[in-house]
Amino acid sequence: MPVLDTRAVAGLLREYAQRTALRGGNPYRARAYSRAADSLAALPTRSMCSSPRTGLSRFRASARL
C-alpha cells in the first residue's frame, strides 16, 4: 500500500469532486468532497499513515477525546 500525504489525498478528493459534478451527481456531495480537499490542503504536508492499522488506531484514539 503506498504511503499518501495530505496533499495527495486532497488531490484525490478534488478529482473525485470534479468527476462527481461532471457526471451530474449530487451537487452537495461534490461540494463536500471539494471542501474536504480544501481542509486537507490547509494542513501541513505529512504522511497520513504508514500502515492502515496505525492510521486507523490513531484516528479512533483522537475520536474518543
Protein backbone atom coordinates (compact mmCIF):
# COMPACT_ATOMS: atom_id res chain seq x y z
CA MET A 1 0.00 0.00 0.00
CA PRO A 2 1.52 3.36 -0.99
CA VAL A 3 2.03 5.99 1.66
CA LEU A 4 -0.11 9.06 0.98
CA ASP A 5 0.48 12.53 2.32
CA THR A 6 -2.20 15.13 2.91
CA ARG A 7 -1.53 16.85 -0.42
CA ALA A 8 -2.02 13.59 -2.36
CA VAL A 9 -5.27 12.80 -0.56
CA ALA A 10 -6.52 16.35 -1.16
CA GLY A 11 -5.77 15.93 -4.87
CA LEU A 12 -7.72 12.69 -5.00
CA LEU A 13 -10.68 14.28 -3.25
CA ARG A 14 -10.64 17.22 -5.69
CA GLU A 15 -10.58 14.82 -8.62
CA TYR A 16 -13.49 12.85 -7.21
CA ALA A 17 -15.44 16.08 -6.63
CA GLN A 18 -14.87 17.14 -10.24
CA ARG A 19 -15.84 13.74 -11.61
CA THR A 20 -18.99 13.68 -9.48
CA ALA A 21 -20.01 17.14 -10.70
CA LEU A 22 -19.25 16.39 -14.35
CA ARG A 23 -21.17 13.14 -14.20
CA GLY A 24 -24.22 15.04 -12.96
CA GLY A 25 -24.08 13.56 -9.48
CA ASN A 26 -25.35 15.09 -6.28
CA PRO A 27 -24.01 18.68 -6.19
CA TYR A 28 -23.94 18.68 -2.39
CA ARG A 29 -21.77 15.58 -2.36
CA ALA A 30 -19.40 17.08 -4.94
CA ARG A 31 -19.12 20.24 -2.84
CA ALA A 32 -18.47 18.18 0.30
CA TYR A 33 -15.55 16.41 -1.41
CA SER A 34 -14.22 19.77 -2.55
CA ARG A 35 -14.46 21.23 0.96
CA ALA A 36 -12.74 18.17 2.43
CA ALA A 37 -9.92 18.64 -0.09
CA ASP A 38 -9.58 22.29 0.88
CA SER A 39 -9.44 21.37 4.56
CA LEU A 40 -6.73 18.77 3.97
CA ALA A 41 -4.75 21.14 1.76
CA ALA A 42 -4.66 23.63 4.63
CA LEU A 43 -2.94 21.10 6.91
CA PRO A 44 0.83 20.68 6.96
CA THR A 45 2.06 18.13 4.44
CA ARG A 46 2.81 14.86 6.18
CA SER A 47 2.20 11.19 5.75
CA MET A 48 -1.37 10.17 6.53
CA CYS A 49 -0.28 6.77 7.80
CA SER A 50 2.48 4.28 7.25
CA SER A 51 0.14 1.32 7.62
CA PRO A 52 -3.64 1.12 7.56
CA ARG A 53 -3.90 -0.14 11.13
CA THR A 54 -1.63 2.53 12.58
CA GLY A 55 -3.54 5.35 10.92
CA LEU A 56 -6.92 3.94 11.87
CA SER A 57 -5.97 3.40 15.51
CA ARG A 58 -4.69 6.99 15.71
CA PHE A 59 -7.99 8.21 14.24
CA ARG A 60 -10.05 6.16 16.68
CA ALA A 61 -7.98 7.40 19.63
CA SER A 62 -8.49 11.04 18.63
CA ALA A 63 -12.22 10.49 18.02
CA ARG A 64 -12.71 9.32 21.61
CA LEU A 65 -11.37 12.57 23.05
